[in-house]
Amino acid sequence: MAGVTEDVMINFSMDKARRQAWQTAERIAPLPLDQRDPEIAEVDRWVGNFGQVIWKPPLSPARFMLGLIRLGERKSVPETIEILM
């Protein structure tokens, strides 16, 4: 129900990030100096795009439902506590 975006975020882990960083370094390190900058720029673009998806995921059913729930939430802490009691 949450969609592909949430699946990507949930499955992303530090282990995978470290593995990907190491593989990228191994791919870029042997390149001649004049070829490294374009490769690094491509990695930067990919990471930037991925970060944007995490920061502001596209509208999905789960995000839409959470938005509806937020609309119905009380703004006052005392009101919320009163409802919970």
PDB file of N, CA and C in Angstrom:
ATOM      1  N   MET A   1       0.817  -1.189   0.000  1.00  0.00           N
ATOM      2  CA  MET A   1       0.000   0.000   0.000  1.00  0.00           C
ATOM      3  C   MET A   1       0.867   1.262   0.000  1.00  0.00           C
ATOM      4  N   ALA A   2       1.999   1.229   0.660  1.00  0.00           N
ATOM      5  CA  ALA A   2       2.817   2.425   0.795  1.00  0.00           C
ATOM      6  C   ALA A   2       3.500   2.813  -0.505  1.00  0.00           C
ATOM      7  N   GLY A   3       3.773   1.875  -1.354  1.00  0.00           N
ATOM      8  CA  GLY A   3       4.370   2.209  -2.636  1.00  0.00           C
ATOM      9  C   GLY A   3       5.868   2.017  -2.677  1.00  0.00           C
ATOM     10  N   VAL A   4       6.391   2.191  -3.871  1.00  0.00           N
ATOM     11  CA  VAL A   4       7.805   1.941  -4.133  1.00  0.00           C
ATOM     12  C   VAL A   4       8.713   2.871  -3.340  1.00  0.00           C
ATOM     13  N   THR A   5       8.350   4.130  -3.225  1.00  0.00           N
ATOM     14  CA  THR A   5       9.200   5.098  -2.536  1.00  0.00           C
ATOM     15  C   THR A   5       9.456   4.679  -1.097  1.00  0.00           C
ATOM     16  N   GLU A   6       8.397   4.303  -0.386  1.00  0.00           N
ATOM     17  CA  GLU A   6       8.564   3.897   1.000  1.00  0.00           C
ATOM     18  C   GLU A   6       9.368   2.609   1.094  1.00  0.00           C
ATOM     19  N   ASP A   7       9.176   1.686   0.140  1.00  0.00           N
ATOM     20  CA  ASP A   7       9.956   0.451   0.139  1.00  0.00           C
ATOM     21  C   ASP A   7      11.444   0.755   0.016  1.00  0.00           C
ATOM     22  N   VAL A   8      11.796   1.683  -0.858  1.00  0.00           N
ATOM     23  CA  VAL A   8      13.200   2.057  -1.032  1.00  0.00           C
ATOM     24  C   VAL A   8      13.744   2.620   0.266  1.00  0.00           C
ATOM     25  N   MET A   9      12.987   3.497   0.916  1.00  0.00           N
ATOM     26  CA  MET A   9      13.462   4.111   2.156  1.00  0.00           C
ATOM     27  C   MET A   9      13.608   3.077   3.267  1.00  0.00           C
ATOM     28  N   ILE A  10      12.653   2.159   3.364  1.00  0.00           N
ATOM     29  CA  ILE A  10      12.691   1.163   4.426  1.00  0.00           C
ATOM     30  C   ILE A  10      13.852   0.200   4.229  1.00  0.00           C
ATOM     31  N   ASN A  11      14.097  -0.189   2.981  1.00  0.00           N
ATOM     32  CA  ASN A  11      15.146  -1.174   2.703  1.00  0.00           C
ATOM     33  C   ASN A  11      16.550  -0.587   2.688  1.00  0.00           C
ATOM     34  N   PHE A  12      16.643   0.736   2.668  1.00  0.00           N
ATOM     35  CA  PHE A  12      17.947   1.382   2.653  1.00  0.00           C
ATOM     36  C   PHE A  12      18.588   1.232   4.023  1.00  0.00           C
ATOM     37  N   SER A  13      19.852   0.878   4.049  1.00  0.00           N
ATOM     38  CA  SER A  13      20.529   0.718   5.337  1.00  0.00           C
ATOM     39  C   SER A  13      21.954   1.221   5.246  1.00  0.00           C
ATOM     40  N   MET A  14      22.539   1.459   6.379  1.00  0.00           N
ATOM     41  CA  MET A  14      23.923   1.918   6.419  1.00  0.00           C
ATOM     42  C   MET A  14      24.857   0.893   5.797  1.00  0.00           C
ATOM     43  N   ASP A  15      24.573  -0.390   5.994  1.00  0.00           N
ATOM     44  CA  ASP A  15      25.404  -1.437   5.407  1.00  0.00           C
ATOM     45  C   ASP A  15      25.408  -1.324   3.886  1.00  0.00           C
ATOM     46  N   LYS A  16      24.245  -1.145   3.318  1.00  0.00           N
ATOM     47  CA  LYS A  16      24.145  -1.013   1.861  1.00  0.00           C
ATOM     48  C   LYS A  16      24.828   0.270   1.398  1.00  0.00           C
ATOM     49  N   ALA A  17      24.661   1.342   2.153  1.00  0.00           N
ATOM     50  CA  ALA A  17      25.282   2.612   1.788  1.00  0.00           C
ATOM     51  C   ALA A  17      26.801   2.495   1.811  1.00  0.00           C
ATOM     52  N   ARG A  18      27.339   1.865   2.833  1.00  0.00           N
ATOM     53  CA  ARG A  18      28.794   1.691   2.909  1.00  0.00           C
ATOM     54  C   ARG A  18      29.300   0.812   1.761  1.00  0.00           C
ATOM     55  N   ARG A  19      28.581  -0.255   1.468  1.00  0.00           N
ATOM     56  CA  ARG A  19      28.967  -1.152   0.374  1.00  0.00           C
ATOM     57  C   ARG A  19      28.965  -0.399  -0.959  1.00  0.00           C
ATOM     58  N   GLN A  20      27.933   0.396  -1.182  1.00  0.00           N
ATOM     59  CA  GLN A  20      27.843   1.171  -2.419  1.00  0.00           C
ATOM     60  C   GLN A  20      28.958   2.212  -2.500  1.00  0.00           C
ATOM     61  N   ALA A  21      29.255   2.861  -1.390  1.00  0.00           N
ATOM     62  CA  ALA A  21      30.326   3.859  -1.376  1.00  0.00           C
ATOM     63  C   ALA A  21      31.670   3.219  -1.699  1.00  0.00           C
ATOM     64  N   TRP A  22      31.906   2.047  -1.129  1.00  0.00           N
ATOM     65  CA  TRP A  22      33.172   1.353  -1.388  1.00  0.00           C
ATOM     66  C   TRP A  22      33.269   0.947  -2.856  1.00  0.00           C
ATOM     67  N   GLN A  23      32.206   0.402  -3.415  1.00  0.00           N
ATOM     68  CA  GLN A  23      32.206  -0.002  -4.821  1.00  0.00           C
ATOM     69  C   GLN A  23      32.417   1.206  -5.739  1.00  0.00           C
ATOM     70  N   THR A  24      31.815   2.324  -5.379  1.00  0.00           N
ATOM     71  CA  THR A  24      31.990   3.546  -6.171  1.00  0.00           C
ATOM     72  C   THR A  24      33.440   4.012  -6.107  1.00  0.00           C
ATOM     73  N   ALA A  25      34.031   3.978  -4.925  1.00  0.00           N
ATOM     74  CA  ALA A  25      35.436   4.377  -4.775  1.00  0.00           C
ATOM     75  C   ALA A  25      36.344   3.454  -5.584  1.00  0.00           C
ATOM     76  N   GLU A  26      36.068   2.147  -5.559  1.00  0.00           N
ATOM     77  CA  GLU A  26      36.881   1.201  -6.332  1.00  0.00           C
ATOM     78  C   GLU A  26      36.738   1.435  -7.838  1.00  0.00           C
ATOM     79  N   ARG A  27      35.578   1.884  -8.265  1.00  0.00           N
ATOM     80  CA  ARG A  27      35.346   2.145  -9.689  1.00  0.00           C
ATOM     81  C   ARG A  27      36.022   3.445 -10.116  1.00  0.00           C
ATOM     82  N   ILE A  28      36.007   4.444  -9.254  1.00  0.00           N
ATOM     83  CA  ILE A  28      36.538   5.760  -9.620  1.00  0.00           C
ATOM     84  C   ILE A  28      38.054   5.857  -9.418  1.00  0.00           C
ATOM     85  N   ALA A  29      38.587   5.225  -8.401  1.00  0.00           N
ATOM     86  CA  ALA A  29      40.010   5.362  -8.058  1.00  0.00           C
ATOM     87  C   ALA A  29      40.960   5.049  -9.213  1.00  0.00           C
ATOM     88  N   PRO A  30      40.738   3.993  -9.982  1.00  0.00           N
ATOM     89  CA  PRO A  30      41.706   3.700 -11.050  1.00  0.00           C
ATOM     90  C   PRO A  30      41.604   4.617 -12.280  1.00  0.00           C
ATOM     91  N   LEU A  31      40.580   5.439 -12.339  1.00  0.00           N
ATOM     92  CA  LEU A  31      40.402   6.307 -13.505  1.00  0.00           C
ATOM     93  C   LEU A  31      41.491   7.381 -13.550  1.00  0.00           C
ATOM     94  N   PRO A  32      41.868   7.809 -14.754  1.00  0.00           N
ATOM     95  CA  PRO A  32      42.776   8.954 -14.857  1.00  0.00           C
ATOM     96  C   PRO A  32      42.125  10.183 -14.220  1.00  0.00           C
ATOM     97  N   LEU A  33      42.923  11.077 -13.702  1.00  0.00           N
ATOM     98  CA  LEU A  33      42.408  12.249 -12.982  1.00  0.00           C
ATOM     99  C   LEU A  33      41.380  13.032 -13.787  1.00  0.00           C
ATOM    100  N   ASP A  34      41.570  13.176 -15.087  1.00  0.00           N
ATOM    101  CA  ASP A  34      40.643  13.964 -15.896  1.00  0.00           C
ATOM    102  C   ASP A  34      39.290  13.277 -16.095  1.00  0.00           C
ATOM    103  N   GLN A  35      39.191  12.001 -15.776  1.00  0.00           N
ATOM    104  CA  GLN A  35      37.921  11.276 -15.911  1.00  0.00           C
ATOM    105  C   GLN A  35      37.184  11.126 -14.577  1.00  0.00           C
ATOM    106  N   ARG A  36      37.844  11.456 -13.498  1.00  0.00           N
ATOM    107  CA  ARG A  36      37.220  11.287 -12.182  1.00  0.00           C
ATOM    108  C   ARG A  36      36.106  12.286 -11.928  1.00  0.00           C
ATOM    109  N   ASP A  37      36.348  13.555 -12.254  1.00  0.00           N
ATOM    110  CA  ASP A  37      35.352  14.590 -11.964  1.00  0.00           C
ATOM    111  C   ASP A  37      33.981  14.300 -12.581  1.00  0.00           C
ATOM    112  N   PRO A  38      33.907  13.902 -13.872  1.00  0.00           N
ATOM    113  CA  PRO A  38      32.580  13.581 -14.415  1.00  0.00           C
ATOM    114  C   PRO A  38      31.899  12.405 -13.702  1.00  0.00           C
ATOM    115  N   GLU A  39      32.683  11.413 -13.303  1.00  0.00           N
ATOM    116  CA  GLU A  39      32.112  10.267 -12.580  1.00  0.00           C
ATOM    117  C   GLU A  39      31.618  10.685 -11.201  1.00  0.00           C
ATOM    118  N   ILE A  40      32.393  11.496 -10.525  1.00  0.00           N
ATOM    119  CA  ILE A  40      31.986  11.986  -9.201  1.00  0.00           C
ATOM    120  C   ILE A  40      30.738  12.856  -9.326  1.00  0.00           C
ATOM    121  N   ALA A  41      30.669  13.675 -10.371  1.00  0.00           N
ATOM    122  CA  ALA A  41      29.481  14.514 -10.589  1.00  0.00           C
ATOM    123  C   ALA A  41      28.244  13.650 -10.818  1.00  0.00           C
ATOM    124  N   GLU A  42      28.395  12.538 -11.534  1.00  0.00           N
ATOM    125  CA  GLU A  42      27.251  11.638 -11.765  1.00  0.00           C
ATOM    126  C   GLU A  42      26.792  11.000 -10.456  1.00  0.00           C
ATOM    127  N   VAL A  43      27.729  10.583  -9.621  1.00  0.00           N
ATOM    128  CA  VAL A  43      27.381  10.022  -8.310  1.00  0.00           C
ATOM    129  C   VAL A  43      26.668  11.087  -7.474  1.00  0.00           C
ATOM    130  N   ASP A  44      27.176  12.313  -7.498  1.00  0.00           N
ATOM    131  CA  ASP A  44      26.546  13.411  -6.757  1.00  0.00           C
ATOM    132  C   ASP A  44      25.108  13.632  -7.212  1.00  0.00           C
ATOM    133  N   ARG A  45      24.880  13.593  -8.539  1.00  0.00           N
ATOM    134  CA  ARG A  45      23.515  13.771  -9.053  1.00  0.00           C
ATOM    135  C   ARG A  45      22.593  12.658  -8.545  1.00  0.00           C
ATOM    136  N   TRP A  46      23.090  11.416  -8.601  1.00  0.00           N
ATOM    137  CA  TRP A  46      22.271  10.282  -8.172  1.00  0.00           C
ATOM    138  C   TRP A  46      21.930  10.402  -6.686  1.00  0.00           C
ATOM    139  N   VAL A  47      22.934  10.699  -5.876  1.00  0.00           N
ATOM    140  CA  VAL A  47      22.715  10.814  -4.430  1.00  0.00           C
ATOM    141  C   VAL A  47      21.767  11.974  -4.129  1.00  0.00           C
ATOM    142  N   GLY A  48      21.933  13.084  -4.848  1.00  0.00           N
ATOM    143  CA  GLY A  48      21.034  14.221  -4.656  1.00  0.00           C
ATOM    144  C   GLY A  48      19.595  13.877  -4.979  1.00  0.00           C
ATOM    145  N   ASN A  49      19.379  13.173  -6.084  1.00  0.00           N
ATOM    146  CA  ASN A  49      18.022  12.760  -6.455  1.00  0.00           C
ATOM    147  C   ASN A  49      17.441  11.796  -5.428  1.00  0.00           C
ATOM    148  N   PHE A  50      18.249  10.867  -4.972  1.00  0.00           N
ATOM    149  CA  PHE A  50      17.788   9.902  -3.969  1.00  0.00           C
ATOM    150  C   PHE A  50      17.431  10.626  -2.669  1.00  0.00           C
ATOM    151  N   GLY A  51      18.265  11.578  -2.283  1.00  0.00           N
ATOM    152  CA  GLY A  51      17.991  12.356  -1.076  1.00  0.00           C
ATOM    153  C   GLY A  51      16.695  13.140  -1.174  1.00  0.00           C
ATOM    154  N   GLN A  52      16.394  13.682  -2.352  1.00  0.00           N
ATOM    155  CA  GLN A  52      15.145  14.419  -2.538  1.00  0.00           C
ATOM    156  C   GLN A  52      13.932  13.506  -2.371  1.00  0.00           C
ATOM    157  N   VAL A  53      14.039  12.273  -2.860  1.00  0.00           N
ATOM    158  CA  VAL A  53      12.926  11.324  -2.710  1.00  0.00           C
ATOM    159  C   VAL A  53      12.703  11.006  -1.244  1.00  0.00           C
ATOM    160  N   ILE A  54      13.794  10.883  -0.496  1.00  0.00           N
ATOM    161  CA  ILE A  54      13.656  10.619   0.944  1.00  0.00           C
ATOM    162  C   ILE A  54      13.102  11.854   1.653  1.00  0.00           C
ATOM    163  N   TRP A  55      13.625  13.028   1.317  1.00  0.00           N
ATOM    164  CA  TRP A  55      13.210  14.265   1.986  1.00  0.00           C
ATOM    165  C   TRP A  55      11.760  14.610   1.688  1.00  0.00           C
ATOM    166  N   LYS A  56      11.372  14.515   0.410  1.00  0.00           N
ATOM    167  CA  LYS A  56      10.013  14.855   0.002  1.00  0.00           C
ATOM    168  C   LYS A  56       9.490  13.782  -0.931  1.00  0.00           C
ATOM    169  N   PRO A  57       9.034  12.672  -0.366  1.00  0.00           N
ATOM    170  CA  PRO A  57       8.558  11.576  -1.216  1.00  0.00           C
ATOM    171  C   PRO A  57       7.341  11.991  -2.037  1.00  0.00           C
ATOM    172  N   PRO A  58       7.225  11.403  -3.236  1.00  0.00           N
ATOM    173  CA  PRO A  58       6.044  11.714  -4.042  1.00  0.00           C
ATOM    174  C   PRO A  58       4.772  11.247  -3.334  1.00  0.00           C
ATOM    175  N   LEU A  59       3.665  11.827  -3.721  1.00  0.00           N
ATOM    176  CA  LEU A  59       2.398  11.474  -3.088  1.00  0.00           C
ATOM    177  C   LEU A  59       2.117   9.985  -3.282  1.00  0.00           C
ATOM    178  N   SER A  60       1.841   9.306  -2.215  1.00  0.00           N
ATOM    179  CA  SER A  60       1.511   7.888  -2.244  1.00  0.00           C
ATOM    180  C   SER A  60       0.273   7.689  -1.371  1.00  0.00           C
ATOM    181  N   PRO A  61      -0.356   6.532  -1.456  1.00  0.00           N
ATOM    182  CA  PRO A  61      -1.528   6.299  -0.605  1.00  0.00           C
ATOM    183  C   PRO A  61      -1.235   6.488   0.883  1.00  0.00           C
ATOM    184  N   ALA A  62      -0.073   6.009   1.336  1.00  0.00           N
ATOM    185  CA  ALA A  62       0.265   6.132   2.763  1.00  0.00           C
ATOM    186  C   ALA A  62       0.461   7.595   3.136  1.00  0.00           C
ATOM    187  N   ARG A  63       1.169   8.330   2.305  1.00  0.00           N
ATOM    188  CA  ARG A  63       1.393   9.748   2.604  1.00  0.00           C
ATOM    189  C   ARG A  63       0.071  10.517   2.587  1.00  0.00           C
ATOM    190  N   PHE A  64      -0.799  10.191   1.653  1.00  0.00           N
ATOM    191  CA  PHE A  64      -2.102  10.834   1.566  1.00  0.00           C
ATOM    192  C   PHE A  64      -2.917  10.572   2.837  1.00  0.00           C
ATOM    193  N   MET A  65      -2.923   9.314   3.297  1.00  0.00           N
ATOM    194  CA  MET A  65      -3.685   8.960   4.505  1.00  0.00           C
ATOM    195  C   MET A  65      -3.123   9.679   5.721  1.00  0.00           C
ATOM    196  N   LEU A  66      -1.793   9.761   5.824  1.00  0.00           N
ATOM    197  CA  LEU A  66      -1.200  10.474   6.956  1.00  0.00           C
ATOM    198  C   LEU A  66      -1.583  11.954   6.926  1.00  0.00           C
ATOM    199  N   GLY A  67      -1.657  12.521   5.730  1.00  0.00           N
ATOM    200  CA  GLY A  67      -2.088  13.909   5.604  1.00  0.00           C
ATOM    201  C   GLY A  67      -3.506  14.109   6.099  1.00  0.00           C
ATOM    202  N   LEU A  68      -4.387  13.165   5.755  1.00  0.00           N
ATOM    203  CA  LEU A  68      -5.763  13.248   6.237  1.00  0.00           C
ATOM    204  C   LEU A  68      -5.829  13.141   7.755  1.00  0.00           C
ATOM    205  N   ILE A  69      -5.037  12.245   8.312  1.00  0.00           N
ATOM    206  CA  ILE A  69      -5.002  12.085   9.774  1.00  0.00           C
ATOM    207  C   ILE A  69      -4.529  13.379  10.422  1.00  0.00           C
ATOM    208  N   ARG A  70      -3.495  14.001   9.847  1.00  0.00           N
ATOM    209  CA  ARG A  70      -2.986  15.256  10.407  1.00  0.00           C
ATOM    210  C   ARG A  70      -4.031  16.357  10.387  1.00  0.00           C
ATOM    211  N   LEU A  71      -4.860  16.369   9.354  1.00  0.00           N
ATOM    212  CA  LEU A  71      -5.912  17.380   9.285  1.00  0.00           C
ATOM    213  C   LEU A  71      -6.880  17.268  10.462  1.00  0.00           C
ATOM    214  N   GLY A  72      -7.107  16.026  10.912  1.00  0.00           N
ATOM    215  CA  GLY A  72      -8.051  15.816  11.998  1.00  0.00           C
ATOM    216  C   GLY A  72      -7.449  15.915  13.385  1.00  0.00           C
ATOM    217  N   GLU A  73      -6.144  16.061  13.467  1.00  0.00           N
ATOM    218  CA  GLU A  73      -5.499  16.135  14.780  1.00  0.00           C
ATOM    219  C   GLU A  73      -5.813  17.448  15.473  1.00  0.00           C
ATOM    220  N   ARG A  74      -5.858  17.392  16.777  1.00  0.00           N
ATOM    221  CA  ARG A  74      -6.040  18.591  17.579  1.00  0.00           C
ATOM    222  C   ARG A  74      -4.722  19.350  17.629  1.00  0.00           C
ATOM    223  N   LYS A  75      -4.788  20.651  17.634  1.00  0.00           N
ATOM    224  CA  LYS A  75      -3.576  21.473  17.683  1.00  0.00           C
ATOM    225  C   LYS A  75      -3.128  21.736  19.114  1.00  0.00           C
ATOM    226  N   SER A  76      -4.034  21.587  20.066  1.00  0.00           N
ATOM    227  CA  SER A  76      -3.734  21.906  21.446  1.00  0.00           C
ATOM    228  C   SER A  76      -3.300  20.644  22.201  1.00  0.00           C
ATOM    229  N   VAL A  77      -2.173  20.734  22.879  1.00  0.00           N
ATOM    230  CA  VAL A  77      -1.693  19.607  23.677  1.00  0.00           C
ATOM    231  C   VAL A  77      -2.697  19.247  24.784  1.00  0.00           C
ATOM    232  N   PRO A  78      -3.225  20.220  25.526  1.00  0.00           N
ATOM    233  CA  PRO A  78      -4.218  19.868  26.565  1.00  0.00           C
ATOM    234  C   PRO A  78      -5.442  19.143  25.975  1.00  0.00           C
ATOM    235  N   GLU A  79      -5.909  19.558  24.795  1.00  0.00           N
ATOM    236  CA  GLU A  79      -7.037  18.870  24.171  1.00  0.00           C
ATOM    237  C   GLU A  79      -6.699  17.426  23.855  1.00  0.00           C
ATOM    238  N   THR A  80      -5.511  17.215  23.326  1.00  0.00           N
ATOM    239  CA  THR A  80      -5.079  15.855  22.982  1.00  0.00           C
ATOM    240  C   THR A  80      -4.987  14.997  24.232  1.00  0.00           C
ATOM    241  N   ILE A  81      -4.421  15.524  25.297  1.00  0.00           N
ATOM    242  CA  ILE A  81      -4.301  14.780  26.560  1.00  0.00           C
ATOM    243  C   ILE A  81      -5.689  14.458  27.104  1.00  0.00           C
ATOM    244  N   GLU A  82      -6.594  15.395  27.020  1.00  0.00           N
ATOM    245  CA  GLU A  82      -7.961  15.180  27.507  1.00  0.00           C
ATOM    246  C   GLU A  82      -8.621  14.038  26.740  1.00  0.00           C
ATOM    247  N   ILE A  83      -8.433  13.988  25.424  1.00  0.00           N
ATOM    248  CA  ILE A  83      -9.036  12.926  24.606  1.00  0.00           C
ATOM    249  C   ILE A  83      -8.437  11.585  24.977  1.00  0.00           C
ATOM    250  N   LEU A  84      -7.134  11.549  25.246  1.00  0.00           N
ATOM    251  CA  LEU A  84      -6.453  10.284  25.571  1.00  0.00           C
ATOM    252  C   LEU A  84      -6.824   9.765  26.953  1.00  0.00           C
ATOM    253  N   MET A  85      -7.273  10.633  27.831  1.00  0.00           N
ATOM    254  CA  MET A  85      -7.595  10.209  29.187  1.00  0.00           C
ATOM    255  C   MET A  85      -8.991   9.718  29.171  1.00  0.00           C
TER     256      MET A  85
END
